[in-house]
Structures are given as structure tokens and as C-alpha cells.
Amino acid sequence: MSTLVRIATRTYPPDVGAAPFRLRALARALVARGCEVEVLTTTGRPVPDDPGVRTRRAPVLRDGHGVVRGYLPYLSFDVPLTARLLTGRRPDVVVHEPPPTTGVVTRLTSRLRGTPYVSYLPDVWSQGAVAAGAPRPVLKGVELAEQLALRGAARVLAVTAGMADEVVRGGVDPARVRVVGNGVDVEVFRPATHPAAGPAAGPAAARGLRVVYSGTMSEWQGAEVLVRGFELFARQHPDARLTMVGGGVDVARLRALAVPGVDLPGTVAPERAAALLAGADVALASLVPGTGYDLMSPTKIFAATACGTPVLFAGVGSGADVVREHGLGWVVDHDTRAVADALGLVTTPTPQRRDALRQWALAHGSLAAAAERAADAVLEAV
């Protein structure tokens, strides 16, 4: 009988975002190795299962944006998950995603069934709770749950080296930690077939600078600074356009700013986001300093460079380091004026520049490659 891997996650396609894409890539990589994969997730728009993957869905509470976010929605997934993990064929290994409460449920049920489990860690939730100003009892609860989940895992998959170091400082055996990286589907996110050729004549192209933000807009990103910075820039360059695609709790607030030249159409298909990025002069990304998410390397960077588009990053942390060290664009403070000034330096990328960015993304930002490393670590646990 083939190896059965069970994945417990509150978000999976057709949900759109880094987490569902990452887990789907992992499932496909495991199937390619001859495993059976069963995904325990939430109800959503019906989509066909990938070959070799069985998706079992259950109802869940969602917030006003349709996202499983908040303590009650998390519990509405985690409490029934206990029974779901205790029934059915005994898996050879279980993989879970955050929140930490899902990790606690996974540890408990895996202990009862004598099954190893793997914690896939895209971020450190206890640090994020501190930055969000959560009450002290909540902070202690999140920290305890996170440590319970991570310390019992046969493997912890960290998406950055900084995150791996943080996990080890929290008491996890370093022999159990694997850095697997992150990325995007480089077959979807790719340069345009006929990109605009030649550099811009001056700080902005004759047609007006084209700027794109693609991804989640939450309190952690602090994307308002990008909108305000663009507003300052656009006062001198009224033909400039900023398109911001994606979901998140900040979307409604950003729309309410009503800044001329800014369009927020909401969540779009990955193919549409890729087309927008490929036609842009620059892509925006940001993280609010001191949130605990500084250890992340946002997939926005990989999506943009895979499309051959440079990045303007506002903030600090792993994302800023990647852009700066690899010459992928511009890094500025999380500040309105700094964003506006940097936009004034942007010119339309040459074909050579776009190709160089694409080649970097193929080498460092392939989601399929990250999934292969993650699959290796999961099977180590077996």
C-alpha cells in the first residue's frame, strides 16, 4: 500500500493566496513520488481534484471578506478537525498549516494514532500576535499553542532561514528543521509575449508609469503607505496608474481613500495578476516594520520578478534583504515620501533587464522547486 499523506489546512484551492498555492504544489510533488494525498480543508467553490489527491471539505465560518480568519472561524475548522483526523485510514504522516490551534489538534490526534506529523511554517504567529497588540492572555495562549505544535513535529518546514533560526531559538531541535523556501508558479507568472521595448525617456514612460500591487492587503503589509506615496508621485505625473489586485482586511479602507489613478478590482485569477505584473514598469511590496513578519520573504517579489518586473519594496526584513542583495529593484523605508521619491526613479525595464529578473526568479523563486524540498522533508518524517 502506498504512503498516505494527510494535509490539514483551513485554506486550499479554489482559495487564492500563497498558502493554498503552496499546499497544492506540495500535494502534487508528493503524488509524483508515488504517495496518496488526502487534504482535509474547508468548503468552497467546487473544483476538480488533482490526480492522486482526494479533497475532503467541511463547512467553516468565514469573515466578511470570505476568509477563514479570526478566533471563531479558526475554531470552527479546528474542533471538527479533531474527529476528521481520528477517523478513516491511518495516515503515514500528517502535514498541518497555521494557525497554531490546528497544530495542537494535529499533535493530539497524531499522538493518539501513533502518527508522525510535519509543521509547515510560513510565519511565526506568536510574533504577529505581539505586533497586533493582542491581550496578554491571548499572547500566552498563541505562544503556548505554537510551541506545543512545533516541538512535537517530526519536521518543521520553514520558508526562510531567519524563520528557521527563530524556531530553533523557541526550543525546536535544529535537526528537525528544514528550510524549504517559497515561490510562485513560474509557468503562470511569466513575462508578456510582447513586452514594451526600450527604456523610458526620463523618470516616467510617455504613456504614464504603470505600477502594480498583487497580493494580500492586511495590517501586516501596511499598503496604505504605497497608495499615499503613489498619490504624491501622481500629482506631478497624472498619467501614472496603480492597480492593486488581491484581498484582505485593508481593501475596503484603501478603496475609501479614493486616490485618483488607483484601481482596486479585488481578487483576480492568477493569470490576470500575472498579465498585470508583466505589463507593469514596477511592482510594489511592503511590510510594516516590527510586526514579527519581517522574517517573511513575500511571494510578491517572486511573482513580479518571474514576470520580468522589478520591485519597489517599502519596509525591512527578509523581503527587503532579498531585493537589495540581488539587485531586484529599490528598497525604501515604510514611508510615504520615500515611496514617492522612489517611483520618480523608475523607468520602463529594458528587455535585457526583464530577462535577468526572470532568470533570477527561475533560480530562486520557483514554487515547484520549493515543493520538491518540502516533499523530501515530509517523507523524511515517514
Protein backbone atom coordinates (compact mmCIF):
# COMPACT_ATOMS: atom_id res chain seq x y z
CA MET A 1 0.00 0.00 0.00
CA SER A 2 1.37 3.42 -0.94
CA THR A 3 2.27 6.10 1.58
CA LEU A 4 -0.72 8.17 2.67
CA VAL A 5 -0.04 11.83 3.46
CA ARG A 6 -2.87 13.79 5.05
CA ILE A 7 -2.77 17.60 4.86
CA ALA A 8 -4.82 19.63 7.37
CA THR A 9 -5.41 23.20 6.23
CA ARG A 10 -8.12 25.84 6.53
CA THR A 11 -7.25 27.17 3.05
CA TYR A 12 -6.78 25.28 -0.19
CA PRO A 13 -7.72 25.94 -3.83
CA PRO A 14 -10.08 27.33 -5.04
CA ASP A 15 -8.94 29.78 -2.32
CA VAL A 16 -6.40 32.20 -3.80
CA GLY A 17 -3.18 33.06 -1.97
CA ALA A 18 0.29 31.94 -1.05
CA ALA A 19 -0.84 29.25 1.40
CA PRO A 20 -3.29 27.38 -0.86
CA PHE A 21 -0.87 27.54 -3.81
CA ARG A 22 1.99 26.30 -1.62
CA LEU A 23 0.00 23.34 -0.29
CA ARG A 24 -1.34 22.36 -3.68
CA ALA A 25 2.23 22.31 -5.02
CA LEU A 26 3.27 20.11 -2.08
CA ALA A 27 0.39 17.72 -2.76
CA ARG A 28 1.38 17.43 -6.41
CA ALA A 29 5.04 16.84 -5.52
CA LEU A 30 4.06 14.05 -3.11
CA VAL A 31 1.82 12.40 -5.71
CA ALA A 32 4.73 12.50 -8.17
CA ARG A 33 6.69 10.46 -5.61
CA GLY A 34 4.00 7.78 -5.55
CA CYS A 35 2.13 8.95 -2.44
CA GLU A 36 -1.60 9.15 -1.90
CA VAL A 37 -2.61 12.59 -0.63
CA GLU A 38 -5.75 13.45 1.31
CA VAL A 39 -6.49 17.11 2.07
CA LEU A 40 -8.79 17.99 4.97
CA THR A 41 -9.96 21.53 4.29
CA THR A 42 -13.00 23.80 4.04
CA THR A 43 -15.93 24.13 1.67
CA GLY A 44 -15.63 26.46 -1.28
CA ARG A 45 -16.43 26.72 -4.96
CA PRO A 46 -16.36 23.16 -6.38
CA VAL A 47 -13.19 22.40 -8.33
CA PRO A 48 -11.89 19.08 -9.65
CA ASP A 49 -9.28 17.31 -7.53
CA ASP A 50 -5.78 16.92 -8.88
CA PRO A 51 -4.92 13.35 -9.90
CA GLY A 52 -3.88 11.36 -6.83
CA VAL A 53 -5.30 13.96 -4.42
CA ARG A 54 -8.55 13.47 -2.53
CA THR A 55 -10.00 16.65 -1.05
CA ARG A 56 -12.41 16.30 1.88
CA ARG A 57 -14.21 19.54 2.64
CA ALA A 58 -16.31 20.66 5.61
CA PRO A 59 -18.24 23.87 6.37
CA VAL A 60 -16.45 26.64 8.25
CA LEU A 61 -17.13 30.17 9.48
CA ARG A 62 -15.62 32.90 7.31
CA ASP A 63 -15.24 36.62 7.90
CA GLY A 64 -16.92 39.35 5.88
CA HIS A 65 -14.23 39.02 3.19
CA GLY A 66 -14.83 35.28 2.79
CA VAL A 67 -11.59 34.40 4.58
CA VAL A 68 -11.13 31.92 7.44
CA ARG A 69 -9.64 34.48 9.81
CA GLY A 70 -10.27 35.14 13.49
CA TYR A 71 -10.61 33.02 16.60
CA LEU A 72 -14.14 31.73 15.98
CA PRO A 73 -13.51 30.83 12.31
CA TYR A 74 -10.29 29.05 13.34
CA LEU A 75 -12.14 27.04 15.99
CA SER A 76 -14.93 26.24 13.53
CA PHE A 77 -12.27 24.43 11.50
CA ASP A 78 -10.12 23.03 14.31
CA VAL A 79 -12.82 21.50 16.54
CA PRO A 80 -14.36 19.29 13.80
CA LEU A 81 -10.82 18.60 12.54
CA THR A 82 -10.18 16.52 15.66
CA ALA A 83 -12.76 13.93 14.62
CA ARG A 84 -11.72 14.12 10.98
CA LEU A 85 -8.11 13.30 11.84
CA LEU A 86 -9.11 10.43 14.14
CA THR A 87 -11.26 8.66 11.56
CA GLY A 88 -10.55 7.00 8.25
CA ARG A 89 -7.45 5.14 7.19
CA ARG A 90 -4.46 5.80 9.42
CA PRO A 91 -2.09 8.11 7.52
CA ASP A 92 1.65 7.59 7.42
CA VAL A 93 2.22 11.28 8.14
CA VAL A 94 0.12 14.41 8.65
CA VAL A 95 1.10 17.90 7.46
CA HIS A 96 -0.55 20.94 9.03
CA GLU A 97 -0.54 24.67 8.31
CA PRO A 98 -1.19 27.50 10.80
CA PRO A 99 -2.95 28.70 12.87
CA PRO A 100 -1.23 27.16 15.93
CA THR A 101 -4.52 25.70 17.14
CA THR A 102 -4.54 23.47 14.05
CA GLY A 103 -1.07 22.36 15.10
CA VAL A 104 -2.28 21.47 18.61
CA VAL A 105 -5.13 19.39 17.19
CA THR A 106 -2.70 17.69 14.82
CA ARG A 107 -0.29 16.88 17.66
CA LEU A 108 -3.05 15.46 19.86
CA THR A 109 -4.60 13.26 17.18
CA SER A 110 -1.23 12.14 15.82
CA ARG A 111 -0.21 11.08 19.32
CA LEU A 112 -3.39 9.05 19.70
CA ARG A 113 -2.89 7.34 16.34
CA GLY A 114 0.88 6.91 16.61
CA THR A 115 1.49 9.00 13.50
CA PRO A 116 4.32 11.49 12.88
CA TYR A 117 3.38 14.96 11.72
CA VAL A 118 5.04 17.91 9.97
CA SER A 119 4.52 21.61 10.72
CA TYR A 120 4.63 23.82 7.63
CA LEU A 121 5.59 27.26 8.93
CA PRO A 122 5.18 30.27 6.61
CA ASP A 123 5.30 32.72 9.53
CA VAL A 124 5.70 32.92 13.31
CA TRP A 125 2.23 33.57 14.70
CA SER A 126 3.26 34.42 18.26
CA GLN A 127 5.32 37.36 16.99
CA GLY A 128 2.45 38.53 14.82
CA ALA A 129 0.11 38.46 17.82
CA VAL A 130 2.51 40.69 19.75
CA ALA A 131 2.66 43.19 16.90
CA ALA A 132 -1.13 43.19 16.62
CA GLY A 133 -1.41 44.26 20.27
CA ALA A 134 -3.35 41.18 21.34
CA PRO A 135 -4.24 40.95 25.07
CA ARG A 136 -1.67 39.22 27.25
CA PRO A 137 -3.78 36.07 27.85
CA VAL A 138 -4.20 35.71 24.08
CA LEU A 139 -0.47 36.19 23.53
CA LYS A 140 0.36 33.49 26.05
CA GLY A 141 -2.19 31.14 24.53
CA VAL A 142 -0.88 31.64 20.99
CA GLU A 143 2.73 31.19 22.11
CA LEU A 144 1.90 28.02 24.05
CA ALA A 145 -0.08 26.53 21.18
CA GLU A 146 2.67 27.33 18.69
CA GLN A 147 5.37 25.78 20.84
CA LEU A 148 3.29 22.67 21.51
CA ALA A 149 2.77 22.18 17.80
CA LEU A 150 6.34 22.85 16.70
CA ARG A 151 8.15 20.92 19.43
CA GLY A 152 6.17 17.77 18.74
CA ALA A 153 6.68 17.83 14.99
CA ALA A 154 8.93 15.29 13.30
CA ARG A 155 9.87 18.04 10.85
CA VAL A 156 9.30 21.80 10.78
CA LEU A 157 9.34 23.35 7.32
CA ALA A 158 10.45 26.99 7.40
CA VAL A 159 10.19 29.19 4.33
CA THR A 160 13.24 31.33 5.23
CA ALA A 161 16.49 30.78 7.10
CA GLY A 162 15.57 33.60 9.51
CA MET A 163 12.34 31.84 10.37
CA ALA A 164 14.23 28.59 10.95
CA ASP A 165 16.57 30.39 13.36
CA GLU A 166 13.57 31.82 15.23
CA VAL A 167 12.03 28.36 15.57
CA VAL A 168 15.27 26.93 16.96
CA ARG A 169 15.50 29.80 19.46
CA GLY A 170 11.99 28.81 20.56
CA GLY A 171 13.20 25.38 21.59
CA VAL A 172 12.75 23.21 18.49
CA ASP A 173 15.51 20.67 17.81
CA PRO A 174 17.51 22.11 14.88
CA ALA A 175 17.92 18.59 13.45
CA ARG A 176 14.16 18.61 12.77
CA VAL A 177 14.05 21.96 10.95
CA ARG A 178 14.28 22.25 7.18
CA VAL A 179 14.45 25.47 5.14
CA VAL A 180 12.34 24.80 2.04
CA GLY A 181 11.90 28.30 0.62
CA ASN A 182 8.88 29.70 -1.15
CA GLY A 183 7.91 30.83 -4.62
CA VAL A 184 5.27 31.10 -7.32
CA ASP A 185 4.16 29.09 -10.32
CA VAL A 186 6.72 30.33 -12.85
CA GLU A 187 4.66 28.86 -15.71
CA VAL A 188 1.76 31.17 -14.81
CA PHE A 189 3.85 34.16 -13.73
CA ARG A 190 5.99 34.88 -16.77
CA PRO A 191 6.90 37.86 -18.97
CA ALA A 192 4.48 39.19 -21.55
CA THR A 193 4.79 37.77 -25.06
CA HIS A 194 5.33 41.25 -26.49
CA PRO A 195 6.61 43.48 -23.68
CA ALA A 196 7.18 47.16 -24.23
CA ALA A 197 10.71 47.57 -25.61
CA GLY A 198 13.30 50.13 -24.74
CA PRO A 199 13.89 52.29 -21.69
CA ALA A 200 11.65 55.17 -20.78
CA ALA A 201 12.81 58.61 -21.75
CA GLY A 202 13.15 60.05 -18.29
CA PRO A 203 11.67 59.17 -14.90
CA ALA A 204 8.30 58.07 -16.30
CA ALA A 205 7.28 56.44 -19.54
CA ALA A 206 5.46 58.56 -22.12
CA ARG A 207 2.29 56.54 -21.60
CA GLY A 208 2.47 57.14 -17.87
CA LEU A 209 4.11 54.89 -15.30
CA ARG A 210 2.33 51.56 -14.77
CA VAL A 211 2.52 50.30 -11.18
CA VAL A 212 1.03 47.05 -9.84
CA TYR A 213 0.49 45.60 -6.37
CA SER A 214 -0.57 41.95 -6.38
CA GLY A 215 -1.32 40.07 -3.18
CA THR A 216 -2.87 40.31 0.26
CA MET A 217 -3.63 43.71 1.74
CA SER A 218 -3.75 43.38 5.52
CA GLU A 219 -2.46 45.29 8.52
CA TRP A 220 0.88 43.47 8.17
CA GLN A 221 1.56 44.85 4.70
CA GLY A 222 0.57 48.42 5.53
CA ALA A 223 -0.21 49.07 1.86
CA GLU A 224 -1.68 52.48 2.66
CA VAL A 225 1.85 53.88 2.56
CA LEU A 226 2.11 52.71 -1.05
CA VAL A 227 -1.18 54.35 -2.00
CA ARG A 228 -0.23 57.61 -0.29
CA GLY A 229 3.21 57.54 -1.86
CA PHE A 230 1.70 56.97 -5.30
CA GLU A 231 -0.70 59.87 -4.67
CA LEU A 232 2.25 62.20 -4.06
CA PHE A 233 4.02 60.96 -7.19
CA ALA A 234 0.87 61.22 -9.33
CA ARG A 235 0.45 64.91 -8.52
CA GLN A 236 3.41 65.55 -10.83
CA HIS A 237 2.65 62.60 -13.14
CA PRO A 238 -1.13 62.46 -13.60
CA ASP A 239 -0.90 59.81 -16.34
CA ALA A 240 0.54 57.26 -13.88
CA ARG A 241 -1.68 54.33 -12.89
CA LEU A 242 -1.59 51.99 -9.88
CA THR A 243 -3.55 48.72 -9.97
CA MET A 244 -3.87 46.77 -6.72
CA VAL A 245 -5.26 43.25 -7.02
CA GLY A 246 -5.90 40.88 -4.15
CA GLY A 247 -7.96 40.57 -0.99
CA GLY A 248 -7.50 41.31 2.69
CA VAL A 249 -8.93 43.34 5.53
CA ASP A 250 -7.43 46.60 4.24
CA VAL A 251 -9.07 46.52 0.79
CA ALA A 252 -12.19 48.44 1.83
CA ARG A 253 -10.15 51.07 3.65
CA LEU A 254 -7.82 51.55 0.69
CA ARG A 255 -10.78 51.92 -1.67
CA ALA A 256 -12.20 54.58 0.64
CA LEU A 257 -9.09 56.70 0.10
CA ALA A 258 -10.36 57.37 -3.44
CA VAL A 259 -6.96 58.37 -4.77
CA PRO A 260 -7.04 59.32 -8.50
CA GLY A 261 -5.28 56.84 -10.74
CA VAL A 262 -5.63 53.91 -8.30
CA ASP A 263 -7.79 50.90 -9.16
CA LEU A 264 -8.62 48.09 -6.69
CA PRO A 265 -10.61 45.42 -8.56
CA GLY A 266 -10.30 42.84 -5.77
CA THR A 267 -9.10 39.27 -6.07
CA VAL A 268 -8.41 38.13 -9.63
CA ALA A 269 -7.28 34.88 -11.21
CA PRO A 270 -3.51 34.23 -11.05
CA GLU A 271 -3.32 34.52 -14.84
CA ARG A 272 -4.82 38.02 -14.70
CA ALA A 273 -2.44 39.06 -11.92
CA ALA A 274 0.47 37.73 -13.97
CA ALA A 275 -0.62 39.72 -17.03
CA LEU A 276 -0.84 42.91 -14.99
CA LEU A 277 2.61 42.36 -13.48
CA ALA A 278 4.16 41.58 -16.84
CA GLY A 279 2.83 44.84 -18.28
CA ALA A 280 3.97 46.97 -15.33
CA ASP A 281 7.06 49.15 -15.02
CA VAL A 282 7.39 48.29 -11.33
CA ALA A 283 5.67 46.08 -8.76
CA LEU A 284 5.08 47.17 -5.17
CA ALA A 285 5.54 45.20 -1.96
CA SER A 286 5.62 46.26 1.67
CA LEU A 287 5.75 45.04 5.26
CA VAL A 288 5.21 47.16 8.35
CA PRO A 289 8.41 47.08 10.44
CA GLY A 290 8.25 45.40 13.83
CA THR A 291 5.22 43.22 13.16
CA GLY A 292 7.01 39.90 13.55
CA TYR A 293 6.50 39.26 9.85
CA ASP A 294 9.91 40.70 9.00
CA LEU A 295 11.17 37.11 8.73
CA MET A 296 8.91 36.51 5.73
CA SER A 297 10.03 36.82 2.14
CA PRO A 298 6.81 37.90 0.40
CA THR A 299 5.80 35.89 -2.67
CA LYS A 300 5.02 39.25 -4.32
CA ILE A 301 8.76 39.52 -5.01
CA PHE A 302 8.86 36.17 -6.78
CA ALA A 303 5.67 36.86 -8.74
CA ALA A 304 6.97 40.19 -10.02
CA THR A 305 10.46 39.01 -10.98
CA ALA A 306 9.08 35.89 -12.65
CA CYS A 307 7.16 38.30 -14.89
CA GLY A 308 10.34 40.27 -15.55
CA THR A 309 9.27 43.27 -13.47
CA PRO A 310 11.44 45.00 -10.84
CA VAL A 311 10.21 45.51 -7.28
CA LEU A 312 9.87 48.58 -5.09
CA PHE A 313 9.86 47.29 -1.50
CA ALA A 314 8.86 49.54 1.39
CA GLY A 315 9.93 48.18 4.76
CA VAL A 316 12.57 45.99 6.34
CA GLY A 317 13.27 42.30 6.89
CA SER A 318 13.87 39.30 4.66
CA GLY A 319 11.94 40.77 1.72
CA ALA A 320 13.96 43.97 1.76
CA ASP A 321 17.18 41.98 2.05
CA VAL A 322 16.33 39.84 -0.97
CA VAL A 323 15.52 42.85 -3.17
CA ARG A 324 18.63 44.73 -2.09
CA GLU A 325 21.15 41.87 -2.19
CA HIS A 326 20.06 40.55 -5.58
CA GLY A 327 19.52 43.90 -7.29
CA LEU A 328 15.82 43.28 -7.93
CA GLY A 329 14.73 46.90 -7.65
CA TRP A 330 14.51 49.50 -4.88
CA VAL A 331 14.24 49.29 -1.10
CA VAL A 332 12.95 52.26 0.89
CA ASP A 333 11.61 52.99 4.35
CA HIS A 334 7.96 52.28 5.06
CA ASP A 335 7.29 55.95 4.46
CA THR A 336 5.03 57.89 2.08
CA ARG A 337 7.65 60.35 0.84
CA ALA A 338 10.25 57.62 0.39
CA VAL A 339 7.82 55.65 -1.82
CA ALA A 340 7.00 58.75 -3.90
CA ASP A 341 10.67 59.61 -4.40
CA ALA A 342 11.50 56.03 -5.44
CA LEU A 343 8.69 55.99 -8.00
CA GLY A 344 10.34 59.02 -9.55
CA LEU A 345 13.41 56.89 -10.26
CA VAL A 346 11.53 54.12 -12.08
CA THR A 347 11.93 53.68 -15.83
CA THR A 348 10.44 51.07 -18.12
CA PRO A 349 12.64 47.94 -17.86
CA THR A 350 14.63 47.01 -20.94
CA PRO A 351 14.13 43.52 -22.41
CA GLN A 352 17.57 42.61 -21.03
CA ARG A 353 16.56 43.74 -17.55
CA ARG A 354 13.32 41.77 -17.71
CA ASP A 355 15.16 38.65 -18.80
CA ALA A 356 17.68 38.96 -15.95
CA LEU A 357 14.87 39.25 -13.41
CA ARG A 358 13.11 36.25 -14.92
CA GLN A 359 16.27 34.16 -14.71
CA TRP A 360 16.71 35.06 -11.05
CA ALA A 361 13.12 34.01 -10.31
CA LEU A 362 13.60 30.69 -12.09
CA ALA A 363 16.66 30.01 -9.92
CA HIS A 364 15.30 31.25 -6.58
CA GLY A 365 11.52 31.68 -6.70
CA SER A 366 10.04 28.54 -8.23
CA LEU A 367 7.15 27.17 -6.17
CA ALA A 368 7.62 23.74 -7.74
CA ALA A 369 11.23 23.64 -6.56
CA ALA A 370 10.19 24.68 -3.04
CA ALA A 371 7.52 21.97 -3.07
CA GLU A 372 10.12 19.36 -4.02
CA ARG A 373 12.22 20.32 -1.00
CA ALA A 374 9.12 20.26 1.23
CA ALA A 375 8.12 16.81 -0.10
CA ASP A 376 11.59 15.49 0.66
CA ALA A 377 11.27 16.68 4.27
CA VAL A 378 7.75 15.23 4.66
CA LEU A 379 8.94 11.82 3.51
CA GLU A 380 11.89 12.04 5.90
CA ALA A 381 9.32 12.13 8.69
CA VAL A 382 7.78 8.89 7.42
